[in-house]
N, C-alpha and C. Protein backbone atom coordinates (compact mmCIF):
# COMPACT_ATOMS: atom_id res chain seq x y z
N MET A 1 -44.43 32.66 34.01
CA MET A 1 -45.32 33.65 33.48
C MET A 1 -45.63 34.67 34.57
N LYS A 2 -45.52 35.94 34.23
CA LYS A 2 -45.89 37.02 35.12
C LYS A 2 -46.49 38.13 34.28
N LEU A 3 -47.75 38.47 34.59
CA LEU A 3 -48.45 39.50 33.83
C LEU A 3 -48.91 40.62 34.75
N SER A 4 -48.65 41.84 34.36
CA SER A 4 -49.22 43.01 35.01
C SER A 4 -50.32 43.50 34.09
N PHE A 5 -51.50 43.76 34.64
CA PHE A 5 -52.62 44.12 33.78
C PHE A 5 -53.61 45.01 34.50
N THR A 6 -54.45 45.66 33.71
CA THR A 6 -55.55 46.46 34.26
C THR A 6 -56.84 45.64 34.10
N LEU A 7 -57.85 46.06 34.80
CA LEU A 7 -59.12 45.34 34.71
C LEU A 7 -59.70 45.38 33.31
N ALA A 8 -59.37 46.39 32.54
CA ALA A 8 -59.84 46.47 31.15
C ALA A 8 -59.23 45.39 30.29
N GLU A 9 -58.11 44.82 30.71
CA GLU A 9 -57.41 43.77 29.95
C GLU A 9 -57.74 42.36 30.45
N LEU A 10 -58.73 42.25 31.30
CA LEU A 10 -59.05 41.00 31.98
C LEU A 10 -59.33 39.83 31.03
N GLU A 11 -60.06 40.07 29.95
CA GLU A 11 -60.40 38.97 29.05
C GLU A 11 -59.15 38.36 28.42
N GLY A 12 -58.21 39.19 28.02
CA GLY A 12 -56.96 38.68 27.45
C GLY A 12 -56.12 37.94 28.48
N VAL A 13 -56.16 38.40 29.72
CA VAL A 13 -55.43 37.73 30.79
C VAL A 13 -56.06 36.36 31.09
N ALA A 14 -57.38 36.30 31.07
CA ALA A 14 -58.07 35.01 31.28
C ALA A 14 -57.67 34.02 30.20
N GLU A 15 -57.54 34.47 28.98
CA GLU A 15 -57.09 33.61 27.88
C GLU A 15 -55.66 33.13 28.13
N GLN A 16 -54.79 34.01 28.62
CA GLN A 16 -53.42 33.64 28.95
C GLN A 16 -53.38 32.63 30.10
N LEU A 17 -54.25 32.84 31.08
CA LEU A 17 -54.34 31.91 32.21
C LEU A 17 -54.64 30.49 31.71
N ILE A 18 -55.60 30.38 30.82
CA ILE A 18 -55.95 29.06 30.27
C ILE A 18 -54.79 28.52 29.43
N ALA A 19 -54.18 29.36 28.62
CA ALA A 19 -53.09 28.93 27.75
C ALA A 19 -51.88 28.42 28.55
N HIS A 20 -51.68 28.96 29.75
CA HIS A 20 -50.53 28.57 30.58
C HIS A 20 -50.91 27.55 31.65
N SER A 21 -52.00 26.85 31.43
CA SER A 21 -52.48 25.85 32.39
C SER A 21 -52.65 24.50 31.70
N PRO A 22 -51.58 23.70 31.66
CA PRO A 22 -51.70 22.41 31.00
C PRO A 22 -52.55 21.40 31.77
N THR A 23 -52.75 21.60 33.08
CA THR A 23 -53.61 20.67 33.83
C THR A 23 -55.02 21.24 33.83
N LYS A 24 -55.94 20.45 34.35
CA LYS A 24 -57.33 20.91 34.46
C LYS A 24 -57.64 21.54 35.80
N VAL A 25 -56.69 21.45 36.75
CA VAL A 25 -56.89 22.03 38.07
C VAL A 25 -56.07 23.31 38.17
N ILE A 26 -56.76 24.43 38.35
CA ILE A 26 -56.11 25.75 38.39
C ILE A 26 -56.39 26.39 39.73
N ARG A 27 -55.33 26.53 40.51
CA ARG A 27 -55.44 27.17 41.84
C ARG A 27 -54.99 28.62 41.70
N ILE A 28 -55.82 29.52 42.22
CA ILE A 28 -55.49 30.95 42.20
C ILE A 28 -55.53 31.46 43.63
N ASP A 29 -54.38 31.90 44.11
CA ASP A 29 -54.27 32.45 45.45
C ASP A 29 -54.19 33.96 45.38
N GLY A 30 -54.68 34.61 46.42
CA GLY A 30 -54.60 36.06 46.51
C GLY A 30 -55.36 36.53 47.72
N ASP A 31 -55.08 37.73 48.14
CA ASP A 31 -55.77 38.30 49.29
C ASP A 31 -57.26 38.46 48.99
N LEU A 32 -58.04 38.58 50.05
CA LEU A 32 -59.45 38.87 49.94
C LEU A 32 -59.60 40.17 49.16
N GLY A 33 -60.41 40.14 48.10
CA GLY A 33 -60.64 41.32 47.29
C GLY A 33 -59.63 41.54 46.18
N ALA A 34 -58.71 40.60 45.98
CA ALA A 34 -57.69 40.77 44.92
C ALA A 34 -58.28 40.59 43.52
N GLY A 35 -59.41 39.89 43.41
CA GLY A 35 -60.03 39.72 42.10
C GLY A 35 -60.01 38.28 41.59
N LYS A 36 -59.82 37.33 42.48
CA LYS A 36 -59.77 35.91 42.07
C LYS A 36 -61.05 35.50 41.35
N THR A 37 -62.19 35.80 41.96
CA THR A 37 -63.47 35.42 41.36
C THR A 37 -63.69 36.14 40.04
N THR A 38 -63.31 37.38 39.95
CA THR A 38 -63.46 38.16 38.72
C THR A 38 -62.62 37.54 37.60
N LEU A 39 -61.39 37.13 37.92
CA LEU A 39 -60.54 36.48 36.93
C LEU A 39 -61.11 35.13 36.50
N ILE A 40 -61.59 34.36 37.47
CA ILE A 40 -62.19 33.06 37.14
C ILE A 40 -63.44 33.25 36.31
N ALA A 41 -64.24 34.27 36.59
CA ALA A 41 -65.43 34.55 35.79
C ALA A 41 -65.05 34.82 34.33
N ALA A 42 -63.98 35.56 34.12
CA ALA A 42 -63.50 35.83 32.76
C ALA A 42 -62.99 34.57 32.10
N ALA A 43 -62.32 33.70 32.87
CA ALA A 43 -61.79 32.45 32.33
C ALA A 43 -62.91 31.49 31.92
N VAL A 44 -63.95 31.37 32.75
CA VAL A 44 -65.03 30.47 32.38
C VAL A 44 -65.82 31.02 31.19
N LYS A 45 -65.89 32.32 31.09
CA LYS A 45 -66.52 32.92 29.91
C LYS A 45 -65.73 32.56 28.66
N PHE A 46 -64.40 32.63 28.75
CA PHE A 46 -63.54 32.25 27.64
C PHE A 46 -63.76 30.77 27.26
N LEU A 47 -64.11 29.94 28.25
CA LEU A 47 -64.35 28.51 28.02
C LEU A 47 -65.77 28.22 27.56
N GLY A 48 -66.53 29.27 27.28
CA GLY A 48 -67.85 29.07 26.67
C GLY A 48 -69.03 29.18 27.59
N VAL A 49 -68.85 29.57 28.84
CA VAL A 49 -69.96 29.71 29.77
C VAL A 49 -70.74 30.96 29.40
N LYS A 50 -72.03 30.81 29.21
CA LYS A 50 -72.89 31.94 28.82
C LYS A 50 -73.41 32.70 30.03
N ASP A 51 -73.73 32.00 31.11
CA ASP A 51 -74.28 32.64 32.30
C ASP A 51 -73.17 33.34 33.09
N PRO A 52 -73.49 34.40 33.79
CA PRO A 52 -72.46 35.07 34.60
C PRO A 52 -71.98 34.18 35.73
N ALA A 53 -70.68 34.14 35.94
CA ALA A 53 -70.11 33.38 37.04
C ALA A 53 -70.04 34.26 38.27
N ASN A 54 -70.24 33.65 39.44
CA ASN A 54 -70.15 34.39 40.67
C ASN A 54 -69.45 33.56 41.74
N SER A 55 -69.22 34.16 42.86
CA SER A 55 -68.46 33.50 43.94
C SER A 55 -69.27 32.38 44.59
N PRO A 56 -68.61 31.23 44.75
CA PRO A 56 -69.26 30.14 45.48
C PRO A 56 -68.91 30.13 46.97
N THR A 57 -68.69 31.30 47.55
CA THR A 57 -68.27 31.38 48.95
C THR A 57 -69.21 30.62 49.87
N PHE A 58 -70.50 30.74 49.67
CA PHE A 58 -71.46 30.08 50.57
C PHE A 58 -71.83 28.68 50.11
N SER A 59 -71.84 28.44 48.81
CA SER A 59 -72.17 27.10 48.31
C SER A 59 -70.94 26.21 48.21
N ILE A 60 -69.75 26.78 48.28
CA ILE A 60 -68.43 26.13 48.17
C ILE A 60 -68.11 25.75 46.73
N ILE A 61 -69.09 25.33 45.95
CA ILE A 61 -68.84 24.97 44.55
C ILE A 61 -69.95 25.53 43.67
N ASN A 62 -69.55 26.04 42.53
CA ASN A 62 -70.48 26.40 41.45
C ASN A 62 -70.11 25.55 40.24
N THR A 63 -71.11 25.10 39.54
CA THR A 63 -70.90 24.34 38.32
C THR A 63 -71.45 25.16 37.16
N TYR A 64 -70.63 25.33 36.14
CA TYR A 64 -71.02 26.07 34.96
C TYR A 64 -70.95 25.12 33.77
N GLU A 65 -71.73 25.38 32.75
CA GLU A 65 -71.72 24.56 31.55
C GLU A 65 -70.95 25.30 30.45
N GLY A 66 -69.79 24.76 30.08
CA GLY A 66 -68.97 25.33 29.02
C GLY A 66 -69.21 24.59 27.72
N HIS A 67 -68.49 24.98 26.67
CA HIS A 67 -68.70 24.31 25.39
C HIS A 67 -68.13 22.90 25.32
N LEU A 68 -67.31 22.50 26.30
CA LEU A 68 -66.77 21.14 26.34
C LEU A 68 -67.25 20.34 27.54
N GLY A 69 -68.25 20.85 28.26
CA GLY A 69 -68.76 20.15 29.42
C GLY A 69 -68.72 21.03 30.66
N PRO A 70 -68.88 20.40 31.82
CA PRO A 70 -68.96 21.19 33.05
C PRO A 70 -67.60 21.83 33.43
N ILE A 71 -67.70 22.93 34.14
CA ILE A 71 -66.53 23.63 34.69
C ILE A 71 -66.87 23.85 36.16
N TYR A 72 -65.94 23.50 37.05
CA TYR A 72 -66.15 23.61 38.48
C TYR A 72 -65.35 24.76 39.07
N HIS A 73 -65.99 25.50 39.96
CA HIS A 73 -65.37 26.65 40.60
C HIS A 73 -65.57 26.50 42.11
N PHE A 74 -64.47 26.34 42.84
CA PHE A 74 -64.48 26.13 44.28
C PHE A 74 -63.98 27.36 45.01
N ASP A 75 -64.59 27.62 46.16
CA ASP A 75 -64.12 28.66 47.07
C ASP A 75 -64.12 28.05 48.48
N PHE A 76 -62.93 27.76 48.98
CA PHE A 76 -62.81 27.06 50.26
C PHE A 76 -62.57 28.00 51.44
N TYR A 77 -62.84 29.27 51.28
CA TYR A 77 -62.60 30.26 52.32
C TYR A 77 -63.22 29.88 53.67
N ARG A 78 -64.42 29.36 53.63
CA ARG A 78 -65.16 29.08 54.86
C ARG A 78 -64.81 27.76 55.53
N LEU A 79 -63.98 26.93 54.92
CA LEU A 79 -63.66 25.64 55.52
C LEU A 79 -62.79 25.80 56.75
N ASN A 80 -63.04 24.96 57.75
CA ASN A 80 -62.23 24.95 58.98
C ASN A 80 -61.19 23.84 58.96
N HIS A 81 -61.43 22.81 58.15
CA HIS A 81 -60.52 21.66 58.08
C HIS A 81 -60.51 21.12 56.64
N PRO A 82 -59.33 20.71 56.14
CA PRO A 82 -59.25 20.22 54.75
C PRO A 82 -60.21 19.07 54.44
N ASP A 83 -60.48 18.21 55.40
CA ASP A 83 -61.34 17.06 55.14
C ASP A 83 -62.79 17.43 54.89
N GLU A 84 -63.19 18.65 55.24
CA GLU A 84 -64.56 19.09 54.94
C GLU A 84 -64.80 19.10 53.44
N ALA A 85 -63.76 19.30 52.65
CA ALA A 85 -63.90 19.29 51.18
C ALA A 85 -64.24 17.91 50.65
N LEU A 86 -63.86 16.89 51.38
CA LEU A 86 -64.18 15.53 50.95
C LEU A 86 -65.68 15.27 51.01
N ASP A 87 -66.37 15.97 51.90
CA ASP A 87 -67.82 15.80 52.04
C ASP A 87 -68.58 16.22 50.80
N ILE A 88 -68.01 17.12 49.99
CA ILE A 88 -68.68 17.54 48.77
C ILE A 88 -68.18 16.75 47.56
N GLY A 89 -67.29 15.79 47.79
CA GLY A 89 -66.79 14.98 46.69
C GLY A 89 -65.62 15.60 45.94
N LEU A 90 -64.80 16.37 46.63
CA LEU A 90 -63.70 17.09 45.98
C LEU A 90 -62.85 16.20 45.10
N GLU A 91 -62.48 15.04 45.59
CA GLU A 91 -61.57 14.17 44.82
C GLU A 91 -62.19 13.76 43.49
N GLU A 92 -63.50 13.50 43.48
CA GLU A 92 -64.16 13.11 42.23
C GLU A 92 -64.17 14.27 41.24
N TYR A 93 -64.41 15.48 41.72
CA TYR A 93 -64.37 16.66 40.84
C TYR A 93 -62.97 16.83 40.24
N LEU A 94 -61.95 16.75 41.11
CA LEU A 94 -60.58 16.98 40.64
C LEU A 94 -60.12 15.91 39.66
N ASP A 95 -60.66 14.70 39.81
CA ASP A 95 -60.30 13.59 38.92
C ASP A 95 -61.19 13.52 37.69
N SER A 96 -62.12 14.43 37.53
CA SER A 96 -63.13 14.34 36.48
C SER A 96 -62.62 14.64 35.07
N SER A 97 -61.47 15.26 34.93
CA SER A 97 -60.88 15.72 33.68
C SER A 97 -61.57 16.99 33.13
N TYR A 98 -62.48 17.55 33.91
CA TYR A 98 -63.08 18.83 33.55
C TYR A 98 -62.35 19.95 34.30
N PRO A 99 -62.36 21.17 33.77
CA PRO A 99 -61.66 22.27 34.45
C PRO A 99 -62.19 22.51 35.86
N CYS A 100 -61.25 22.70 36.78
CA CYS A 100 -61.56 23.01 38.18
C CYS A 100 -60.76 24.23 38.59
N PHE A 101 -61.45 25.30 38.95
CA PHE A 101 -60.81 26.51 39.44
C PHE A 101 -60.94 26.53 40.96
N VAL A 102 -59.83 26.75 41.64
CA VAL A 102 -59.79 26.64 43.10
C VAL A 102 -59.33 27.96 43.72
N GLU A 103 -60.21 28.52 44.55
CA GLU A 103 -59.84 29.68 45.39
C GLU A 103 -59.63 29.19 46.81
N TRP A 104 -58.67 29.79 47.51
CA TRP A 104 -58.31 29.43 48.88
C TRP A 104 -57.87 27.96 48.94
N GLY A 105 -57.06 27.57 47.96
CA GLY A 105 -56.58 26.20 47.84
C GLY A 105 -55.70 25.76 49.00
N GLU A 106 -55.10 26.69 49.73
CA GLU A 106 -54.27 26.32 50.88
C GLU A 106 -55.10 25.62 51.95
N LYS A 107 -56.41 25.84 51.94
CA LYS A 107 -57.27 25.21 52.95
C LYS A 107 -57.54 23.75 52.64
N VAL A 108 -57.26 23.31 51.40
CA VAL A 108 -57.48 21.91 51.02
C VAL A 108 -56.21 21.30 50.43
N ALA A 109 -55.08 21.93 50.68
CA ALA A 109 -53.82 21.49 50.06
C ALA A 109 -53.54 20.00 50.15
N PRO A 110 -53.84 19.31 51.25
CA PRO A 110 -53.57 17.87 51.28
C PRO A 110 -54.36 17.07 50.25
N HIS A 111 -55.44 17.65 49.75
CA HIS A 111 -56.31 16.91 48.82
C HIS A 111 -56.14 17.34 47.37
N LEU A 112 -55.28 18.30 47.11
CA LEU A 112 -55.04 18.71 45.72
C LEU A 112 -54.18 17.66 45.04
N PRO A 113 -54.32 17.51 43.73
CA PRO A 113 -53.49 16.53 43.02
C PRO A 113 -52.01 16.91 43.05
N LEU A 114 -51.16 15.95 42.75
CA LEU A 114 -49.72 16.22 42.74
C LEU A 114 -49.37 17.28 41.71
N LYS A 115 -50.06 17.25 40.57
CA LYS A 115 -49.81 18.22 39.50
C LYS A 115 -51.05 19.07 39.29
N TYR A 116 -50.86 20.36 39.43
CA TYR A 116 -51.92 21.33 39.14
C TYR A 116 -51.23 22.64 38.83
N ASP A 117 -51.97 23.58 38.26
CA ASP A 117 -51.43 24.89 37.94
C ASP A 117 -51.74 25.85 39.06
N HIS A 118 -50.71 26.56 39.51
CA HIS A 118 -50.83 27.41 40.69
C HIS A 118 -50.42 28.83 40.34
N PHE A 119 -51.31 29.78 40.58
CA PHE A 119 -51.09 31.18 40.29
C PHE A 119 -51.34 32.03 41.54
N THR A 120 -50.68 33.18 41.59
CA THR A 120 -51.03 34.17 42.61
C THR A 120 -51.55 35.41 41.88
N LEU A 121 -52.49 36.06 42.52
CA LEU A 121 -53.06 37.31 41.99
C LEU A 121 -52.85 38.38 43.06
N THR A 122 -52.16 39.44 42.70
CA THR A 122 -51.84 40.50 43.63
C THR A 122 -52.40 41.82 43.11
N GLN A 123 -53.01 42.58 44.01
CA GLN A 123 -53.54 43.88 43.64
C GLN A 123 -52.44 44.93 43.77
N GLU A 124 -52.14 45.62 42.65
CA GLU A 124 -51.13 46.70 42.67
C GLU A 124 -51.80 48.01 43.04
N THR A 125 -52.84 48.37 42.26
CA THR A 125 -53.62 49.58 42.51
C THR A 125 -55.08 49.18 42.42
N SER A 126 -55.98 50.13 42.56
CA SER A 126 -57.40 49.78 42.49
C SER A 126 -57.79 49.20 41.14
N ASP A 127 -57.00 49.51 40.08
CA ASP A 127 -57.33 49.04 38.73
C ASP A 127 -56.30 48.09 38.14
N SER A 128 -55.22 47.80 38.84
CA SER A 128 -54.19 46.94 38.25
C SER A 128 -53.86 45.77 39.15
N ARG A 129 -53.50 44.67 38.51
CA ARG A 129 -53.18 43.42 39.19
C ARG A 129 -51.94 42.80 38.59
N ILE A 130 -51.34 41.84 39.32
CA ILE A 130 -50.25 41.03 38.81
C ILE A 130 -50.67 39.57 38.97
N LEU A 131 -50.62 38.84 37.88
CA LEU A 131 -50.87 37.40 37.88
C LEU A 131 -49.52 36.72 37.63
N GLU A 132 -49.17 35.81 38.55
CA GLU A 132 -47.89 35.12 38.43
C GLU A 132 -48.08 33.64 38.61
N LYS A 133 -47.47 32.87 37.72
CA LYS A 133 -47.53 31.42 37.82
C LYS A 133 -46.46 30.94 38.79
N ILE A 134 -46.87 30.10 39.73
CA ILE A 134 -45.98 29.58 40.75
C ILE A 134 -45.31 28.28 40.28
N ASN A 135 -46.05 27.44 39.61
CA ASN A 135 -45.51 26.16 39.12
C ASN A 135 -46.05 25.85 37.75
N SER A 136 -45.54 24.74 37.18
CA SER A 136 -46.08 24.33 35.87
C SER A 136 -46.44 22.88 35.85
């Protein structure tokens, strides 16, 4: 899957992201400012979250309540070592069977499950992005 889209099309892209993610762990890679959090906010809204989603850069994890239970959103940008994620119970969250969105997943790669959905988000212009699935 590879989608080129504008920010006005974000809700439809979030729906496609969910449709092309058979696992519950969704890793989204991209440069700082590419729009990872914005895309995840649209995806959790699609999953029934009523409150606005925001970046968990300082808290590392945000928990949202969707129509089927909790949804977890991780941002590992500030971690210095992969094992720091274990201190917040990462393995339990990933094994929970609830959706887990992961930003900066390369920082915790040794602790990610064997099977997860991996996407890259690239900024083309100030208003356009490319979302590409890396694995299935």
